[in-house]
N, C-alpha and C. Protein backbone atom coordinates (compact mmCIF):
# COMPACT_ATOMS: atom_id res chain seq x y z
N MET A 1 -20.90 140.85 63.05
CA MET A 1 -21.35 139.75 63.89
C MET A 1 -21.65 138.55 62.98
N PRO A 2 -21.07 137.39 63.27
CA PRO A 2 -21.29 136.23 62.41
C PRO A 2 -22.72 135.70 62.52
N LYS A 3 -23.18 135.13 61.44
CA LYS A 3 -24.50 134.49 61.44
C LYS A 3 -24.42 133.22 62.28
N PRO A 4 -25.48 132.90 63.01
CA PRO A 4 -25.48 131.63 63.75
C PRO A 4 -25.55 130.46 62.77
N PRO A 5 -25.13 129.28 63.20
CA PRO A 5 -25.21 128.14 62.29
C PRO A 5 -26.67 127.82 61.95
N ALA A 6 -26.87 127.33 60.74
CA ALA A 6 -28.21 126.87 60.33
C ALA A 6 -28.40 125.47 60.93
N THR A 7 -29.53 125.26 61.60
CA THR A 7 -29.79 123.96 62.21
C THR A 7 -31.18 123.47 61.84
N VAL A 8 -31.29 122.18 61.66
CA VAL A 8 -32.60 121.53 61.46
C VAL A 8 -32.58 120.20 62.19
N ASP A 9 -33.74 119.81 62.68
CA ASP A 9 -33.93 118.48 63.26
C ASP A 9 -34.92 117.75 62.37
N LEU A 10 -34.62 116.52 62.03
CA LEU A 10 -35.52 115.70 61.22
C LEU A 10 -36.01 114.51 62.04
N VAL A 11 -37.30 114.20 61.90
CA VAL A 11 -37.89 113.03 62.54
C VAL A 11 -38.57 112.22 61.45
N TRP A 12 -38.18 110.97 61.35
CA TRP A 12 -38.72 110.07 60.34
C TRP A 12 -40.18 109.79 60.64
N ASN A 13 -41.04 109.88 59.61
CA ASN A 13 -42.48 109.65 59.76
C ASN A 13 -42.90 108.24 59.37
N GLY A 14 -41.94 107.34 59.16
CA GLY A 14 -42.27 105.95 58.86
C GLY A 14 -42.34 105.63 57.38
N ARG A 15 -42.30 106.62 56.54
CA ARG A 15 -42.25 106.42 55.09
C ARG A 15 -41.03 107.20 54.60
N LEU A 16 -41.02 107.59 53.36
CA LEU A 16 -39.96 108.47 52.88
C LEU A 16 -40.37 109.92 53.11
N GLU A 17 -40.78 110.19 54.37
CA GLU A 17 -41.18 111.52 54.80
C GLU A 17 -40.49 111.82 56.13
N PHE A 18 -40.13 113.07 56.30
CA PHE A 18 -39.54 113.52 57.54
C PHE A 18 -40.17 114.85 57.96
N THR A 19 -40.42 115.00 59.24
CA THR A 19 -40.81 116.29 59.77
C THR A 19 -39.53 117.06 60.06
N VAL A 20 -39.45 118.25 59.50
CA VAL A 20 -38.27 119.09 59.64
C VAL A 20 -38.62 120.23 60.60
N THR A 21 -37.81 120.41 61.60
CA THR A 21 -38.00 121.51 62.54
C THR A 21 -36.76 122.38 62.51
N THR A 22 -37.00 123.66 62.20
CA THR A 22 -35.93 124.66 62.26
C THR A 22 -36.16 125.47 63.53
N PRO A 23 -35.28 126.38 63.85
CA PRO A 23 -35.52 127.17 65.07
C PRO A 23 -36.84 127.94 65.07
N LYS A 24 -37.44 128.20 63.88
CA LYS A 24 -38.65 129.03 63.85
C LYS A 24 -39.84 128.41 63.13
N THR A 25 -39.70 127.25 62.52
CA THR A 25 -40.82 126.68 61.78
C THR A 25 -40.70 125.16 61.68
N THR A 26 -41.79 124.53 61.27
CA THR A 26 -41.82 123.09 61.07
C THR A 26 -42.53 122.80 59.75
N PHE A 27 -42.01 121.85 59.00
CA PHE A 27 -42.64 121.42 57.76
C PHE A 27 -42.22 119.99 57.47
N VAL A 28 -42.79 119.41 56.43
CA VAL A 28 -42.51 118.03 56.06
C VAL A 28 -41.78 118.02 54.71
N ILE A 29 -40.74 117.19 54.61
CA ILE A 29 -40.17 116.89 53.30
C ILE A 29 -40.58 115.46 52.96
N ASP A 30 -40.92 115.26 51.69
CA ASP A 30 -41.51 114.00 51.25
C ASP A 30 -40.91 113.62 49.91
N SER A 31 -40.35 112.44 49.82
CA SER A 31 -39.75 111.98 48.58
C SER A 31 -40.72 112.05 47.41
N ALA A 32 -42.01 111.84 47.67
CA ALA A 32 -43.02 111.84 46.61
C ALA A 32 -43.65 113.22 46.39
N SER A 33 -43.24 114.22 47.15
CA SER A 33 -43.78 115.59 47.06
C SER A 33 -45.28 115.65 47.29
N VAL A 34 -45.79 114.80 48.18
CA VAL A 34 -47.23 114.81 48.50
C VAL A 34 -47.47 115.56 49.81
N ALA A 35 -46.84 115.13 50.89
CA ALA A 35 -47.05 115.75 52.20
C ALA A 35 -46.27 117.05 52.34
N GLY A 36 -45.35 117.29 51.45
CA GLY A 36 -44.50 118.47 51.46
C GLY A 36 -43.55 118.39 50.30
N PRO A 37 -42.68 119.37 50.15
CA PRO A 37 -41.74 119.33 49.03
C PRO A 37 -40.74 118.20 49.19
N SER A 38 -40.24 117.71 48.05
CA SER A 38 -39.13 116.76 48.09
C SER A 38 -37.88 117.53 48.50
N PRO A 39 -36.83 116.84 48.89
CA PRO A 39 -35.60 117.56 49.23
C PRO A 39 -35.10 118.45 48.09
N VAL A 40 -35.17 117.98 46.85
CA VAL A 40 -34.70 118.80 45.72
C VAL A 40 -35.65 119.97 45.49
N ASP A 41 -36.97 119.75 45.61
CA ASP A 41 -37.91 120.86 45.49
C ASP A 41 -37.64 121.92 46.56
N ALA A 42 -37.33 121.48 47.78
CA ALA A 42 -37.02 122.43 48.84
C ALA A 42 -35.73 123.19 48.53
N LEU A 43 -34.76 122.51 47.95
CA LEU A 43 -33.51 123.15 47.59
C LEU A 43 -33.72 124.23 46.53
N VAL A 44 -34.45 123.91 45.46
CA VAL A 44 -34.63 124.92 44.40
C VAL A 44 -35.57 126.03 44.87
N ALA A 45 -36.52 125.72 45.76
CA ALA A 45 -37.35 126.77 46.35
C ALA A 45 -36.49 127.70 47.19
N ALA A 46 -35.53 127.13 47.92
CA ALA A 46 -34.63 127.95 48.72
C ALA A 46 -33.78 128.85 47.82
N LEU A 47 -33.32 128.33 46.69
CA LEU A 47 -32.53 129.14 45.76
C LEU A 47 -33.36 130.29 45.19
N ALA A 48 -34.56 129.97 44.70
CA ALA A 48 -35.43 131.02 44.16
C ALA A 48 -35.80 132.02 45.24
N GLY A 49 -36.11 131.54 46.43
CA GLY A 49 -36.47 132.43 47.53
C GLY A 49 -35.33 133.33 47.96
N CYS A 50 -34.14 132.79 48.00
CA CYS A 50 -32.96 133.57 48.39
C CYS A 50 -32.73 134.70 47.39
N MET A 51 -32.76 134.38 46.10
CA MET A 51 -32.56 135.42 45.08
C MET A 51 -33.69 136.44 45.11
N ALA A 52 -34.94 135.98 45.28
CA ALA A 52 -36.08 136.90 45.30
C ALA A 52 -36.01 137.84 46.50
N MET A 53 -35.63 137.31 47.66
CA MET A 53 -35.52 138.17 48.84
C MET A 53 -34.40 139.19 48.67
N ASP A 54 -33.28 138.76 48.09
CA ASP A 54 -32.20 139.71 47.82
C ASP A 54 -32.68 140.79 46.86
N LEU A 55 -33.34 140.38 45.79
CA LEU A 55 -33.82 141.34 44.79
C LEU A 55 -34.78 142.34 45.42
N ALA A 56 -35.73 141.85 46.21
CA ALA A 56 -36.69 142.74 46.88
C ALA A 56 -35.97 143.70 47.82
N HIS A 57 -35.03 143.20 48.58
CA HIS A 57 -34.30 144.03 49.54
C HIS A 57 -33.46 145.10 48.84
N ILE A 58 -32.72 144.70 47.82
CA ILE A 58 -31.83 145.64 47.12
C ILE A 58 -32.64 146.71 46.40
N LEU A 59 -33.72 146.32 45.73
CA LEU A 59 -34.54 147.31 45.02
C LEU A 59 -35.19 148.29 45.99
N THR A 60 -35.73 147.77 47.08
CA THR A 60 -36.38 148.62 48.07
C THR A 60 -35.38 149.58 48.71
N LYS A 61 -34.23 149.05 49.08
CA LYS A 61 -33.20 149.88 49.69
C LYS A 61 -32.70 150.94 48.72
N GLY A 62 -32.68 150.62 47.43
CA GLY A 62 -32.24 151.57 46.42
C GLY A 62 -33.34 152.52 45.96
N ARG A 63 -34.46 152.50 46.65
CA ARG A 63 -35.61 153.37 46.35
C ARG A 63 -36.17 153.12 44.95
N HIS A 64 -36.25 151.85 44.60
CA HIS A 64 -36.91 151.44 43.36
C HIS A 64 -38.11 150.56 43.74
N PRO A 65 -39.20 151.19 44.18
CA PRO A 65 -40.34 150.41 44.66
C PRO A 65 -41.00 149.63 43.52
N PHE A 66 -41.64 148.56 43.90
CA PHE A 66 -42.40 147.73 42.96
C PHE A 66 -43.64 147.25 43.70
N THR A 67 -44.62 146.78 42.96
CA THR A 67 -45.86 146.34 43.61
C THR A 67 -46.09 144.84 43.48
N GLU A 68 -45.31 144.18 42.64
CA GLU A 68 -45.51 142.75 42.43
C GLU A 68 -44.19 142.11 42.02
N MET A 69 -43.97 140.89 42.52
CA MET A 69 -42.83 140.10 42.06
C MET A 69 -43.26 138.65 42.01
N ARG A 70 -42.98 138.03 40.88
CA ARG A 70 -43.17 136.59 40.72
C ARG A 70 -41.87 136.01 40.21
N ALA A 71 -41.63 134.75 40.51
CA ALA A 71 -40.42 134.09 40.03
C ALA A 71 -40.77 132.66 39.64
N LYS A 72 -40.13 132.19 38.58
CA LYS A 72 -40.28 130.80 38.16
C LYS A 72 -38.88 130.24 37.96
N LEU A 73 -38.60 129.15 38.64
CA LEU A 73 -37.31 128.49 38.52
C LEU A 73 -37.52 127.14 37.86
N VAL A 74 -36.67 126.83 36.88
CA VAL A 74 -36.66 125.51 36.25
C VAL A 74 -35.25 124.97 36.39
N ALA A 75 -35.14 123.80 37.01
CA ALA A 75 -33.84 123.17 37.21
C ALA A 75 -33.82 121.85 36.45
N GLU A 76 -32.94 121.75 35.48
CA GLU A 76 -32.77 120.49 34.75
C GLU A 76 -31.90 119.58 35.61
N ARG A 77 -32.30 118.27 35.65
CA ARG A 77 -31.59 117.31 36.49
C ARG A 77 -30.97 116.21 35.65
N SER A 78 -29.89 115.68 36.14
CA SER A 78 -29.21 114.57 35.46
C SER A 78 -30.12 113.35 35.45
N PRO A 79 -30.15 112.61 34.32
CA PRO A 79 -30.95 111.39 34.29
C PRO A 79 -30.33 110.26 35.12
N ASP A 80 -29.06 110.41 35.47
CA ASP A 80 -28.34 109.37 36.21
C ASP A 80 -28.16 109.79 37.67
N ASN A 81 -28.04 108.78 38.53
CA ASN A 81 -27.78 109.05 39.94
C ASN A 81 -26.50 109.85 40.07
N PRO A 82 -26.49 110.84 40.88
CA PRO A 82 -27.44 111.21 41.92
C PRO A 82 -28.51 112.20 41.46
N HIS A 83 -28.79 112.30 40.19
CA HIS A 83 -29.84 113.18 39.65
C HIS A 83 -29.63 114.63 40.08
N ARG A 84 -28.37 115.05 40.05
CA ARG A 84 -28.02 116.40 40.51
C ARG A 84 -28.55 117.46 39.55
N LEU A 85 -28.56 118.69 40.01
CA LEU A 85 -28.95 119.79 39.15
C LEU A 85 -27.88 119.98 38.08
N MET A 86 -28.33 120.07 36.84
CA MET A 86 -27.41 120.25 35.72
C MET A 86 -27.42 121.69 35.19
N SER A 87 -28.57 122.34 35.28
CA SER A 87 -28.67 123.75 34.89
C SER A 87 -29.90 124.34 35.58
N VAL A 88 -29.85 125.63 35.80
CA VAL A 88 -30.94 126.32 36.48
C VAL A 88 -31.26 127.60 35.72
N THR A 89 -32.54 127.83 35.50
CA THR A 89 -33.02 129.08 34.92
C THR A 89 -34.03 129.67 35.88
N LEU A 90 -33.83 130.92 36.22
CA LEU A 90 -34.72 131.63 37.14
C LEU A 90 -35.19 132.88 36.43
N HIS A 91 -36.51 133.05 36.36
CA HIS A 91 -37.08 134.21 35.67
C HIS A 91 -37.98 134.97 36.63
N PHE A 92 -37.73 136.27 36.74
CA PHE A 92 -38.54 137.15 37.58
C PHE A 92 -39.46 137.98 36.71
N VAL A 93 -40.64 138.26 37.22
CA VAL A 93 -41.54 139.24 36.63
C VAL A 93 -41.85 140.25 37.73
N LEU A 94 -41.52 141.51 37.46
CA LEU A 94 -41.75 142.59 38.41
C LEU A 94 -42.83 143.49 37.88
N GLY A 95 -43.77 143.84 38.73
CA GLY A 95 -44.84 144.75 38.35
C GLY A 95 -44.78 146.02 39.16
N GLY A 96 -45.23 147.11 38.55
CA GLY A 96 -45.30 148.38 39.25
C GLY A 96 -43.96 149.05 39.45
N LEU A 97 -42.95 148.61 38.71
CA LEU A 97 -41.64 149.24 38.79
C LEU A 97 -41.65 150.48 37.90
N GLY A 98 -41.00 151.53 38.33
CA GLY A 98 -40.97 152.77 37.55
C GLY A 98 -40.47 152.55 36.14
N GLU A 99 -40.88 153.39 35.24
CA GLU A 99 -40.49 153.29 33.83
C GLU A 99 -39.08 153.83 33.62
N GLY A 100 -38.50 153.48 32.47
CA GLY A 100 -37.23 154.06 32.07
C GLY A 100 -36.05 153.15 32.31
N ALA A 101 -34.89 153.63 31.90
CA ALA A 101 -33.67 152.82 31.95
C ALA A 101 -33.16 152.61 33.37
N ALA A 102 -33.28 153.61 34.23
CA ALA A 102 -32.71 153.48 35.58
C ALA A 102 -33.29 152.29 36.34
N PRO A 103 -34.62 152.11 36.37
CA PRO A 103 -35.13 150.94 37.09
C PRO A 103 -34.68 149.61 36.47
N LEU A 104 -34.60 149.54 35.14
CA LEU A 104 -34.14 148.30 34.51
C LEU A 104 -32.70 148.02 34.89
N ASP A 105 -31.88 149.06 34.88
CA ASP A 105 -30.49 148.89 35.30
C ASP A 105 -30.41 148.51 36.77
N ALA A 106 -31.31 149.06 37.58
CA ALA A 106 -31.33 148.71 39.00
C ALA A 106 -31.69 147.24 39.20
N VAL A 107 -32.61 146.72 38.40
CA VAL A 107 -32.96 145.29 38.50
C VAL A 107 -31.77 144.44 38.08
N ARG A 108 -31.14 144.79 36.97
CA ARG A 108 -29.96 144.03 36.53
C ARG A 108 -28.87 144.02 37.60
N ARG A 109 -28.64 145.18 38.20
CA ARG A 109 -27.63 145.30 39.25
C ARG A 109 -28.00 144.48 40.48
N ALA A 110 -29.27 144.52 40.87
CA ALA A 110 -29.72 143.76 42.03
C ALA A 110 -29.56 142.26 41.79
N ILE A 111 -29.90 141.80 40.60
CA ILE A 111 -29.74 140.38 40.27
C ILE A 111 -28.26 140.01 40.33
N ALA A 112 -27.40 140.85 39.75
CA ALA A 112 -25.97 140.57 39.77
C ALA A 112 -25.43 140.54 41.20
N LEU A 113 -25.86 141.50 42.03
CA LEU A 113 -25.40 141.51 43.42
C LEU A 113 -25.84 140.25 44.16
N SER A 114 -27.09 139.84 43.95
CA SER A 114 -27.57 138.63 44.61
C SER A 114 -26.74 137.42 44.16
N ARG A 115 -26.60 137.27 42.87
CA ARG A 115 -25.89 136.10 42.33
C ARG A 115 -24.41 136.11 42.71
N ASP A 116 -23.77 137.26 42.60
CA ASP A 116 -22.32 137.31 42.78
C ASP A 116 -21.88 137.49 44.22
N THR A 117 -22.75 138.05 45.07
CA THR A 117 -22.30 138.41 46.42
C THR A 117 -23.18 137.86 47.54
N TYR A 118 -24.50 138.02 47.43
CA TYR A 118 -25.35 137.84 48.60
C TYR A 118 -26.07 136.51 48.74
N CYS A 119 -26.45 135.85 47.67
CA CYS A 119 -27.30 134.65 47.79
C CYS A 119 -26.51 133.47 48.35
N SER A 120 -26.68 133.23 49.63
CA SER A 120 -25.94 132.16 50.29
C SER A 120 -26.33 130.78 49.77
N VAL A 121 -27.56 130.63 49.32
CA VAL A 121 -27.97 129.33 48.78
C VAL A 121 -27.20 129.04 47.49
N TRP A 122 -27.17 130.02 46.59
CA TRP A 122 -26.42 129.83 45.33
C TRP A 122 -24.95 129.55 45.62
N HIS A 123 -24.37 130.27 46.54
CA HIS A 123 -22.95 130.09 46.83
C HIS A 123 -22.66 128.80 47.61
N SER A 124 -23.70 128.11 48.05
CA SER A 124 -23.53 126.82 48.71
C SER A 124 -23.64 125.66 47.72
N LEU A 125 -24.04 125.95 46.49
CA LEU A 125 -24.17 124.93 45.45
C LEU A 125 -22.89 124.88 44.60
N ARG A 126 -22.79 123.83 43.79
CA ARG A 126 -21.67 123.74 42.86
C ARG A 126 -21.69 124.93 41.91
N GLN A 127 -20.58 125.58 41.76
CA GLN A 127 -20.53 126.76 40.91
C GLN A 127 -20.35 126.44 39.43
N ASP A 128 -20.24 125.15 39.09
CA ASP A 128 -20.15 124.79 37.67
C ASP A 128 -21.53 124.53 37.07
N ILE A 129 -22.59 124.75 37.83
CA ILE A 129 -23.95 124.60 37.32
C ILE A 129 -24.30 125.85 36.52
N PRO A 130 -24.63 125.72 35.24
CA PRO A 130 -25.07 126.91 34.51
C PRO A 130 -26.33 127.48 35.18
N PHE A 131 -26.30 128.78 35.44
CA PHE A 131 -27.38 129.44 36.16
C PHE A 131 -27.70 130.74 35.45
N GLN A 132 -28.87 130.78 34.80
CA GLN A 132 -29.30 131.95 34.06
C GLN A 132 -30.43 132.61 34.81
N VAL A 133 -30.34 133.92 35.01
CA VAL A 133 -31.39 134.68 35.67
C VAL A 133 -31.85 135.78 34.70
N THR A 134 -33.15 135.83 34.45
CA THR A 134 -33.72 136.83 33.55
C THR A 134 -34.88 137.52 34.25
N PHE A 135 -35.36 138.59 33.65
CA PHE A 135 -36.52 139.28 34.23
C PHE A 135 -37.29 140.00 33.16
N ASP A 136 -38.54 140.27 33.47
CA ASP A 136 -39.42 141.11 32.69
C ASP A 136 -40.06 142.10 33.65
N VAL A 137 -40.44 143.24 33.12
CA VAL A 137 -41.19 144.21 33.89
C VAL A 137 -42.59 144.25 33.33
N ALA A 138 -43.56 143.93 34.17
CA ALA A 138 -44.96 143.94 33.75
C ALA A 138 -45.52 145.35 33.89
N PRO A 139 -46.49 145.70 33.05
CA PRO A 139 -47.07 147.05 33.15
C PRO A 139 -47.80 147.24 34.47
């Protein structure tokens, strides 16, 4: 069954801010990142969130439980207009994951599956952007 189209409605708030309404939520995007994330902040949050959700789903489905996940994404931007993303680094820290080689291999595999197959946000971006994903396992 195909996924329904992604839809958003934007309403201008009189400044460089817009109220964004999706089928299930409402938030503000703000050029200054005060009332809400900027459009680029929302984009990189969507990328990190997409990969994190894939990672959580794949590990859980593969019976590799964990108790904590954190992610930090750093996106370098061009100094010139349109200030596009030039490179992206995403680092995960997983806590409470079982010890040994199998869980580490499972994390590597889950990251590869997300990046290569499942993360729709990543696959919607330019594929010539260098994108490095790393992880650590916390005790």
